[in-house]
Each structure stands twice: as C-alpha cells, then as structure tokens.
C-alpha atoms as a PDB file:
ATOM      1  CA  ASN A   1     -10.297  16.497   4.918  1.00  0.00           C
ATOM      2  CA  SER A   2      -7.702  15.206   2.539  1.00  0.00           C
ATOM      3  CA  VAL A   3      -5.004  16.931   0.507  1.00  0.00           C
ATOM      4  CA  ASP A   4      -3.561  15.704  -2.793  1.00  0.00           C
ATOM      5  CA  CYS A   5       0.112  16.483  -2.221  1.00  0.00           C
ATOM      6  CA  ASN A   6       1.072  15.637  -5.797  1.00  0.00           C
ATOM      7  CA  SER A   7      -1.004  18.557  -7.036  1.00  0.00           C
ATOM      8  CA  ARG A   8       1.473  20.890  -5.316  1.00  0.00           C
ATOM      9  CA  SER A   9       4.640  19.207  -6.586  1.00  0.00           C
ATOM     10  CA  SER A  10       5.697  15.937  -8.152  1.00  0.00           C
ATOM     11  CA  GLN A  11       8.524  15.935  -5.593  1.00  0.00           C
ATOM     12  CA  SER A  12       6.266  15.588  -2.540  1.00  0.00           C
ATOM     13  CA  ASN A  13       7.411  13.224   0.232  1.00  0.00           C
ATOM     14  CA  TRP A  14       3.986  11.523   0.247  1.00  0.00           C
ATOM     15  CA  ASP A  15       0.889  11.432  -1.960  1.00  0.00           C
ATOM     16  CA  ILE A  16      -2.007  12.254   0.388  1.00  0.00           C
ATOM     17  CA  GLU A  17      -2.541  13.964   3.728  1.00  0.00           C
ATOM     18  CA  TRP A  18      -5.633  12.526   5.384  1.00  0.00           C
ATOM     19  CA  ASN A  19      -6.815  12.428   9.024  1.00  0.00           C
ATOM     20  CA  GLY A  20      -3.407  13.564  10.274  1.00  0.00           C
ATOM     21  CA  MET A  21      -1.537  10.904   8.280  1.00  0.00           C
ATOM     22  CA  GLN A  22       0.980  11.428   5.484  1.00  0.00           C
ATOM     23  CA  ILE A  23       0.186   8.574   3.093  1.00  0.00           C
ATOM     24  CA  ASP A  24       2.209   7.179   0.217  1.00  0.00           C
ATOM     25  CA  VAL A  25       0.035   5.269  -2.287  1.00  0.00           C
ATOM     26  CA  LYS A  26       1.296   1.968  -3.725  1.00  0.00           C
ATOM     27  CA  VAL A  27      -0.431  -0.051  -6.473  1.00  0.00           C
ATOM     28  CA  ARG A  28       0.582  -3.559  -7.563  1.00  0.00           C
ATOM     29  CA  HIS A  29      -0.578  -6.501  -9.652  1.00  0.00           C
ATOM     30  CA  PRO A  30      -0.055 -10.044  -8.327  1.00  0.00           C
ATOM     31  CA  ARG A  31       3.048 -12.056  -8.990  1.00  0.00           C
ATOM     32  CA  ILE A  32       2.328 -14.638 -11.662  1.00  0.00           C
ATOM     33  CA  GLY A  33       2.924 -18.362 -11.121  1.00  0.00           C
ATOM     34  CA  GLY A  34       5.146 -20.313  -8.785  1.00  0.00           C
ATOM     35  CA  VAL A  35       5.115 -20.379  -5.011  1.00  0.00           C
ATOM     36  CA  LEU A  36       4.444 -16.632  -4.779  1.00  0.00           C
ATOM     37  CA  LYS A  37       1.340 -16.680  -7.010  1.00  0.00           C
ATOM     38  CA  ASN A  38      -1.321 -14.280  -5.652  1.00  0.00           C
ATOM     39  CA  TRP A  39       1.250 -12.392  -3.567  1.00  0.00           C
ATOM     40  CA  TYR A  40       1.691  -8.650  -3.957  1.00  0.00           C
ATOM     41  CA  GLY A  41       5.096  -7.088  -3.269  1.00  0.00           C
ATOM     42  CA  PHE A  42       5.259  -3.469  -2.105  1.00  0.00           C
ATOM     43  CA  ARG A  43       8.525  -1.552  -1.604  1.00  0.00           C
ATOM     44  CA  THR A  44       9.608   1.962  -0.746  1.00  0.00           C
ATOM     45  CA  GLU A  45      12.741   3.901   0.072  1.00  0.00           C
ATOM     46  CA  LYS A  46      13.832   3.474   3.671  1.00  0.00           C
ATOM     47  CA  THR A  47      14.096   7.259   3.930  1.00  0.00           C
ATOM     48  CA  SER A  48      10.417   7.773   3.092  1.00  0.00           C
ATOM     49  CA  LEU A  49       8.781  10.469   5.223  1.00  0.00           C
ATOM     50  CA  ALA A  50       5.268   9.002   4.901  1.00  0.00           C
ATOM     51  CA  THR A  51       3.631   7.832   8.127  1.00  0.00           C
ATOM     52  CA  HIS A  52       1.376   5.273   6.390  1.00  0.00           C
ATOM     53  CA  TYR A  53       1.017   3.402   3.093  1.00  0.00           C
ATOM     54  CA  PHE A  54      -2.142   2.762   1.107  1.00  0.00           C
ATOM     55  CA  CYS A  55      -1.447  -0.519  -0.702  1.00  0.00           C
ATOM     56  CA  PHE A  56      -3.837  -1.336  -3.552  1.00  0.00           C
ATOM     57  CA  CYS A  57      -3.861  -4.968  -4.742  1.00  0.00           C
ATOM     58  CA  LEU A  58      -5.203  -5.205  -8.296  1.00  0.00           C
ATOM     59  CA  ASP A  59      -6.141  -8.258 -10.325  1.00  0.00           C
ATOM     60  CA  PRO A  60      -4.765  -8.646 -13.875  1.00  0.00           C
ATOM     61  CA  LEU A  61      -7.781  -6.671 -15.207  1.00  0.00           C
ATOM     62  CA  ASP A  62      -7.009  -3.711 -12.881  1.00  0.00           C
ATOM     63  CA  LYS A  63      -9.934  -4.376 -10.528  1.00  0.00           C
ATOM     64  CA  ILE A  64      -9.289  -3.796  -6.827  1.00  0.00           C
ATOM     65  CA  VAL A  65      -8.876  -7.040  -4.881  1.00  0.00           C
ATOM     66  CA  ALA A  66      -7.951  -5.425  -1.548  1.00  0.00           C
ATOM     67  CA  ILE A  67      -6.715  -2.186  -0.011  1.00  0.00           C
ATOM     68  CA  TYR A  68      -4.493  -1.965   3.055  1.00  0.00           C
ATOM     69  CA  LEU A  69      -3.624   1.078   5.174  1.00  0.00           C
ATOM     70  CA  ILE A  70      -0.347   0.089   6.823  1.00  0.00           C
ATOM     71  CA  PRO A  71       1.616   2.184   9.346  1.00  0.00           C
ATOM     72  CA  LYS A  72       5.245   2.882   8.440  1.00  0.00           C
ATOM     73  CA  ILE A  73       6.517   1.078  11.541  1.00  0.00           C
ATOM     74  CA  VAL A  74       4.899  -2.144  10.254  1.00  0.00           C
ATOM     75  CA  PHE A  75       5.674  -1.563   6.555  1.00  0.00           C
ATOM     76  CA  ARG A  76       9.436  -1.090   7.205  1.00  0.00           C
ATOM     77  CA  GLY A  77      10.559  -0.443   3.631  1.00  0.00           C
ATOM     78  CA  GLY A  78       8.351  -3.090   2.102  1.00  0.00           C
ATOM     79  CA  CYS A  79       6.056  -6.028   2.517  1.00  0.00           C
ATOM     80  CA  SER A  80       4.508  -8.965   0.693  1.00  0.00           C
ATOM     81  CA  ILE A  81       0.778  -9.484   1.035  1.00  0.00           C
ATOM     82  CA  ASN A  82      -1.521 -12.337   0.080  1.00  0.00           C
ATOM     83  CA  PRO A  83      -5.035 -10.847   0.246  1.00  0.00           C
ATOM     84  CA  TYR A  84      -6.566 -14.337  -0.053  1.00  0.00           C
ATOM     85  CA  SER A  85      -5.132 -15.393   3.321  1.00  0.00           C
ATOM     86  CA  ASN A  86      -6.624 -14.222   6.609  1.00  0.00           C
ATOM     87  CA  LYS A  87      -3.528 -15.457   8.472  1.00  0.00           C
ATOM     88  CA  SER A  88      -1.365 -12.558   7.323  1.00  0.00           C
ATOM     89  CA  LYS A  89       0.000 -10.073   9.854  1.00  0.00           C
ATOM     90  CA  PHE A  90      -1.376  -7.437   7.481  1.00  0.00           C
ATOM     91  CA  SER A  91      -4.988  -8.658   7.719  1.00  0.00           C
ATOM     92  CA  GLN A  92      -5.639  -6.211  10.550  1.00  0.00           C
ATOM     93  CA  TYR A  93      -4.798  -3.321   8.208  1.00  0.00           C
ATOM     94  CA  ILE A  94      -7.392  -4.118   5.531  1.00  0.00           C
ATOM     95  CA  PHE A  95      -9.161  -0.946   4.502  1.00  0.00           C
ATOM     96  CA  THR A  96     -12.870  -1.180   3.797  1.00  0.00           C
ATOM     97  CA  TYR A  97     -14.635   1.423   1.718  1.00  0.00           C
END
C-alpha cells in the first residue's frame, strides 16, 4: 500500500509512504552543456525527515530517462547522477518499473 502524504497537507515531511518508507520525490532535467552535461543534480534540506528519495531523471522533452530509489544515508542532502554511466555509486539504486 502507498499513501499520498501531500493529499493530507502541503506541509508534509515527505511525499509518499510506501512499503514502510517515507519517500520524498525529486524530479530534474539534465544540466546542459559543459563537463556536467547529462548529469542530474538533486538536493534537499539536511533536516528532511524522509527515509528515502525517489529521483526522476527527465530528458528535455519530459520523458523519464531513469528513476532511482536512494536511502537517506546515501543521499546525504544531495547527489549528482549520470544515468548513462554504470560506474556510478548510485547504479545499485536504479528503480525498474
């Protein structure tokens, strides 16, 4: 079962409760150009009460490139992900649907 926590209040500490996790949802488009091209930067407040983060990587046309379900202890206030590299420490958190 899942619960949409934003339906109760826009001030919820996380967006979804699912399988015992409190999940904050993050959505980003890639950085454009330069050395960081194709990288997605995700940030959150260090005081976040979520236990996990769903990170959606979108292409410029809003199509999903990749989804990650990252534990808070790994996320640590933010992360940068390149979904085109399988050498990332976040590769193990790819979420398949």
